[in-house]
Amino acid sequence: MPGAQWLELLCRHIPDRFEHLVWYVGWYSTRVRGEQARKAVPGAAVQAPEDGQVIAARARSAWARLIHKVYEVDPLECPKCGAPMQVIALIDGAEVIRRILEHLAREDYNHHRPHSSLGHLTPIEFAKQGQGTASGTAKL
């Protein structure tokens, strides 16, 4: 048998990328194992959760894990005492969020927090000076 023909026959057995050639039949097949599992457990105990429940459960754990990964702070742990916290409300109304942010900005932020982009001035001091641009930017 010529080498090229042998190589062609060999290449037929190499699977494409992300394809597998192991097939389970008989006792080891997925269908048979699923039937065995249903027989072993009573019918009332085997109930698949609804899609919405599965997605919600993944989302509940994902946001806290991602915040912990990025900021290296556990958002569900009290920063003062270290006790576990729970989410008790979700605010998603644009008007409510705007009012909360305006209240926070009025209360403390604009009076006591200088910022480098404002020439190390607080936003109120920067506004009182009447500057049109932040420090480090050119006026045109």
C-alpha atoms as a PDB file:
ATOM      1  CA  MET A   1       0.000   0.000   0.000  1.00  0.00           C
ATOM      2  CA  PRO A   2       1.481   3.363  -1.017  1.00  0.00           C
ATOM      3  CA  GLY A   3       2.233   5.874   1.740  1.00  0.00           C
ATOM      4  CA  ALA A   4      -0.262   8.481   0.510  1.00  0.00           C
ATOM      5  CA  GLN A   5      -3.119   5.970   0.487  1.00  0.00           C
ATOM      6  CA  TRP A   6      -2.207   4.761   3.983  1.00  0.00           C
ATOM      7  CA  LEU A   7      -2.095   8.369   5.236  1.00  0.00           C
ATOM      8  CA  GLU A   8      -5.522   9.049   3.685  1.00  0.00           C
ATOM      9  CA  LEU A   9      -7.024   6.044   5.484  1.00  0.00           C
ATOM     10  CA  LEU A  10      -5.418   7.153   8.748  1.00  0.00           C
ATOM     11  CA  CYS A  11      -6.716  10.734   8.455  1.00  0.00           C
ATOM     12  CA  ARG A  12     -10.302   9.488   8.174  1.00  0.00           C
ATOM     13  CA  HIS A  13     -10.078   8.475  11.828  1.00  0.00           C
ATOM     14  CA  ILE A  14      -8.917  11.885  13.085  1.00  0.00           C
ATOM     15  CA  PRO A  15     -11.946  13.823  14.364  1.00  0.00           C
ATOM     16  CA  ASP A  16     -12.647  17.426  13.443  1.00  0.00           C
ATOM     17  CA  ARG A  17     -12.008  20.116  16.033  1.00  0.00           C
ATOM     18  CA  PHE A  18     -14.439  19.947  19.002  1.00  0.00           C
ATOM     19  CA  GLU A  19     -15.769  16.608  17.766  1.00  0.00           C
ATOM     20  CA  HIS A  20     -15.367  13.388  19.677  1.00  0.00           C
ATOM     21  CA  LEU A  21     -15.459   9.829  18.463  1.00  0.00           C
ATOM     22  CA  VAL A  22     -16.264   8.058  21.726  1.00  0.00           C
ATOM     23  CA  TRP A  23     -19.845   6.901  21.666  1.00  0.00           C
ATOM     24  CA  TYR A  24     -21.424   5.171  24.609  1.00  0.00           C
ATOM     25  CA  VAL A  25     -23.921   2.475  23.699  1.00  0.00           C
ATOM     26  CA  GLY A  26     -25.789  -0.078  25.725  1.00  0.00           C
ATOM     27  CA  TRP A  27     -25.325  -0.011  29.481  1.00  0.00           C
ATOM     28  CA  TYR A  28     -23.140   3.132  29.449  1.00  0.00           C
ATOM     29  CA  SER A  29     -25.316   5.267  27.187  1.00  0.00           C
ATOM     30  CA  THR A  30     -26.884   8.432  28.561  1.00  0.00           C
ATOM     31  CA  ARG A  31     -30.385   7.150  27.890  1.00  0.00           C
ATOM     32  CA  VAL A  32     -29.872   3.943  29.867  1.00  0.00           C
ATOM     33  CA  ARG A  33     -28.179   5.755  32.770  1.00  0.00           C
ATOM     34  CA  GLY A  34     -31.061   8.250  32.875  1.00  0.00           C
ATOM     35  CA  GLU A  35     -33.634   5.453  32.978  1.00  0.00           C
ATOM     36  CA  GLN A  36     -31.726   3.759  35.798  1.00  0.00           C
ATOM     37  CA  ALA A  37     -31.628   6.997  37.790  1.00  0.00           C
ATOM     38  CA  ARG A  38     -35.388   7.488  37.405  1.00  0.00           C
ATOM     39  CA  LYS A  39     -36.058   3.944  38.589  1.00  0.00           C
ATOM     40  CA  ALA A  40     -33.829   4.388  41.649  1.00  0.00           C
ATOM     41  CA  VAL A  41     -35.500   7.635  42.815  1.00  0.00           C
ATOM     42  CA  PRO A  42     -39.282   8.036  43.289  1.00  0.00           C
ATOM     43  CA  GLY A  43     -40.995  10.153  40.648  1.00  0.00           C
ATOM     44  CA  ALA A  44     -41.927  12.952  43.048  1.00  0.00           C
ATOM     45  CA  ALA A  45     -38.305  13.547  44.029  1.00  0.00           C
ATOM     46  CA  VAL A  46     -37.081  13.992  40.451  1.00  0.00           C
ATOM     47  CA  GLN A  47     -38.314  17.393  39.347  1.00  0.00           C
ATOM     48  CA  ALA A  48     -36.239  19.603  37.149  1.00  0.00           C
ATOM     49  CA  PRO A  49     -36.207  23.241  38.262  1.00  0.00           C
ATOM     50  CA  GLU A  50     -37.778  25.721  35.922  1.00  0.00           C
ATOM     51  CA  ASP A  51     -35.477  27.621  33.598  1.00  0.00           C
ATOM     52  CA  GLY A  52     -36.188  30.895  35.389  1.00  0.00           C
ATOM     53  CA  GLN A  53     -35.154  29.428  38.730  1.00  0.00           C
ATOM     54  CA  VAL A  54     -31.885  28.094  37.329  1.00  0.00           C
ATOM     55  CA  ILE A  55     -31.015  31.404  35.671  1.00  0.00           C
ATOM     56  CA  ALA A  56     -31.905  33.373  38.810  1.00  0.00           C
ATOM     57  CA  ALA A  57     -29.777  31.109  41.000  1.00  0.00           C
ATOM     58  CA  ARG A  58     -26.779  31.511  38.694  1.00  0.00           C
ATOM     59  CA  ALA A  59     -27.235  35.281  38.558  1.00  0.00           C
ATOM     60  CA  ARG A  60     -27.460  35.549  42.360  1.00  0.00           C
ATOM     61  CA  SER A  61     -24.104  33.888  42.807  1.00  0.00           C
ATOM     62  CA  ALA A  62     -22.411  35.374  39.740  1.00  0.00           C
ATOM     63  CA  TRP A  63     -22.655  39.083  40.550  1.00  0.00           C
ATOM     64  CA  ALA A  64     -21.156  38.706  44.029  1.00  0.00           C
ATOM     65  CA  ARG A  65     -18.390  36.431  42.738  1.00  0.00           C
ATOM     66  CA  LEU A  66     -17.476  38.873  39.955  1.00  0.00           C
ATOM     67  CA  ILE A  67     -17.406  41.879  42.293  1.00  0.00           C
ATOM     68  CA  HIS A  68     -15.219  39.910  44.707  1.00  0.00           C
ATOM     69  CA  LYS A  69     -12.891  38.914  41.854  1.00  0.00           C
ATOM     70  CA  VAL A  70     -12.504  42.432  40.424  1.00  0.00           C
ATOM     71  CA  TYR A  71     -12.466  44.597  43.555  1.00  0.00           C
ATOM     72  CA  GLU A  72     -11.159  41.975  46.016  1.00  0.00           C
ATOM     73  CA  VAL A  73     -13.989  42.863  48.406  1.00  0.00           C
ATOM     74  CA  ASP A  74     -16.853  40.564  49.322  1.00  0.00           C
ATOM     75  CA  PRO A  75     -20.061  42.552  48.657  1.00  0.00           C
ATOM     76  CA  LEU A  76     -22.087  40.227  50.891  1.00  0.00           C
ATOM     77  CA  GLU A  77     -19.902  40.771  53.953  1.00  0.00           C
ATOM     78  CA  CYS A  78     -20.389  43.695  56.334  1.00  0.00           C
ATOM     79  CA  PRO A  79     -17.298  45.932  56.166  1.00  0.00           C
ATOM     80  CA  LYS A  80     -17.647  46.919  59.833  1.00  0.00           C
ATOM     81  CA  CYS A  81     -18.206  43.601  61.606  1.00  0.00           C
ATOM     82  CA  GLY A  82     -17.611  40.953  58.906  1.00  0.00           C
ATOM     83  CA  ALA A  83     -21.064  39.400  59.328  1.00  0.00           C
ATOM     84  CA  PRO A  84     -22.812  38.029  56.218  1.00  0.00           C
ATOM     85  CA  MET A  85     -25.317  40.370  54.576  1.00  0.00           C
ATOM     86  CA  GLN A  86     -28.318  39.664  52.365  1.00  0.00           C
ATOM     87  CA  VAL A  87     -29.798  41.553  49.456  1.00  0.00           C
ATOM     88  CA  ILE A  88     -33.197  42.789  50.601  1.00  0.00           C
ATOM     89  CA  ALA A  89     -34.156  45.061  47.707  1.00  0.00           C
ATOM     90  CA  LEU A  90     -33.297  45.816  44.102  1.00  0.00           C
ATOM     91  CA  ILE A  91     -33.644  49.373  42.887  1.00  0.00           C
ATOM     92  CA  ASP A  92     -34.002  49.533  39.127  1.00  0.00           C
ATOM     93  CA  GLY A  93     -36.181  52.598  38.572  1.00  0.00           C
ATOM     94  CA  ALA A  94     -34.203  55.340  36.812  1.00  0.00           C
ATOM     95  CA  GLU A  95     -35.983  58.145  38.660  1.00  0.00           C
ATOM     96  CA  VAL A  96     -35.400  56.556  42.071  1.00  0.00           C
ATOM     97  CA  ILE A  97     -31.712  55.973  41.321  1.00  0.00           C
ATOM     98  CA  ARG A  98     -31.316  59.574  40.134  1.00  0.00           C
ATOM     99  CA  ARG A  99     -32.892  60.925  43.332  1.00  0.00           C
ATOM    100  CA  ILE A 100     -30.658  58.751  45.514  1.00  0.00           C
ATOM    101  CA  LEU A 101     -27.503  59.854  43.676  1.00  0.00           C
ATOM    102  CA  GLU A 102     -28.515  63.514  43.831  1.00  0.00           C
ATOM    103  CA  HIS A 103     -29.127  63.198  47.566  1.00  0.00           C
ATOM    104  CA  LEU A 104     -25.727  61.597  48.117  1.00  0.00           C
ATOM    105  CA  ALA A 105     -23.986  64.237  45.997  1.00  0.00           C
ATOM    106  CA  ARG A 106     -25.650  67.089  47.904  1.00  0.00           C
ATOM    107  CA  GLU A 107     -24.977  65.649  51.301  1.00  0.00           C
ATOM    108  CA  ASP A 108     -21.250  65.039  51.447  1.00  0.00           C
ATOM    109  CA  TYR A 109     -19.512  64.230  48.204  1.00  0.00           C
ATOM    110  CA  ASN A 110     -19.304  67.660  46.612  1.00  0.00           C
ATOM    111  CA  HIS A 111     -18.123  69.393  49.768  1.00  0.00           C
ATOM    112  CA  HIS A 112     -15.346  67.155  51.061  1.00  0.00           C
ATOM    113  CA  ARG A 113     -13.843  65.120  48.196  1.00  0.00           C
ATOM    114  CA  PRO A 114     -11.236  66.852  46.028  1.00  0.00           C
ATOM    115  CA  HIS A 115     -10.496  65.302  42.672  1.00  0.00           C
ATOM    116  CA  SER A 116      -7.278  65.346  40.650  1.00  0.00           C
ATOM    117  CA  SER A 117      -9.076  66.169  37.389  1.00  0.00           C
ATOM    118  CA  LEU A 118     -10.362  69.371  39.014  1.00  0.00           C
ATOM    119  CA  GLY A 119      -6.926  70.565  40.099  1.00  0.00           C
ATOM    120  CA  HIS A 120      -7.316  68.826  43.488  1.00  0.00           C
ATOM    121  CA  LEU A 121     -10.362  70.961  44.260  1.00  0.00           C
ATOM    122  CA  THR A 122     -13.758  69.796  45.382  1.00  0.00           C
ATOM    123  CA  PRO A 123     -16.485  70.098  42.734  1.00  0.00           C
ATOM    124  CA  ILE A 124     -18.057  73.002  44.666  1.00  0.00           C
ATOM    125  CA  GLU A 125     -14.735  74.915  44.852  1.00  0.00           C
ATOM    126  CA  PHE A 126     -14.143  74.231  41.177  1.00  0.00           C
ATOM    127  CA  ALA A 127     -17.594  75.560  40.267  1.00  0.00           C
ATOM    128  CA  LYS A 128     -17.096  78.671  42.441  1.00  0.00           C
ATOM    129  CA  GLN A 129     -13.860  79.526  40.621  1.00  0.00           C
ATOM    130  CA  GLY A 130     -15.782  79.578  37.353  1.00  0.00           C
ATOM    131  CA  GLN A 131     -13.180  77.600  35.471  1.00  0.00           C
ATOM    132  CA  GLY A 132     -14.378  76.212  32.176  1.00  0.00           C
ATOM    133  CA  THR A 133     -11.939  73.344  31.996  1.00  0.00           C
ATOM    134  CA  ALA A 134     -10.225  71.035  34.432  1.00  0.00           C
ATOM    135  CA  SER A 135      -6.522  71.469  35.188  1.00  0.00           C
ATOM    136  CA  GLY A 136      -4.208  69.982  32.644  1.00  0.00           C
ATOM    137  CA  THR A 137      -6.505  70.631  29.680  1.00  0.00           C
ATOM    138  CA  ALA A 138      -5.998  73.395  27.203  1.00  0.00           C
ATOM    139  CA  LYS A 139      -8.533  76.118  26.475  1.00  0.00           C
ATOM    140  CA  LEU A 140      -9.256  76.499  22.776  1.00  0.00           C
END
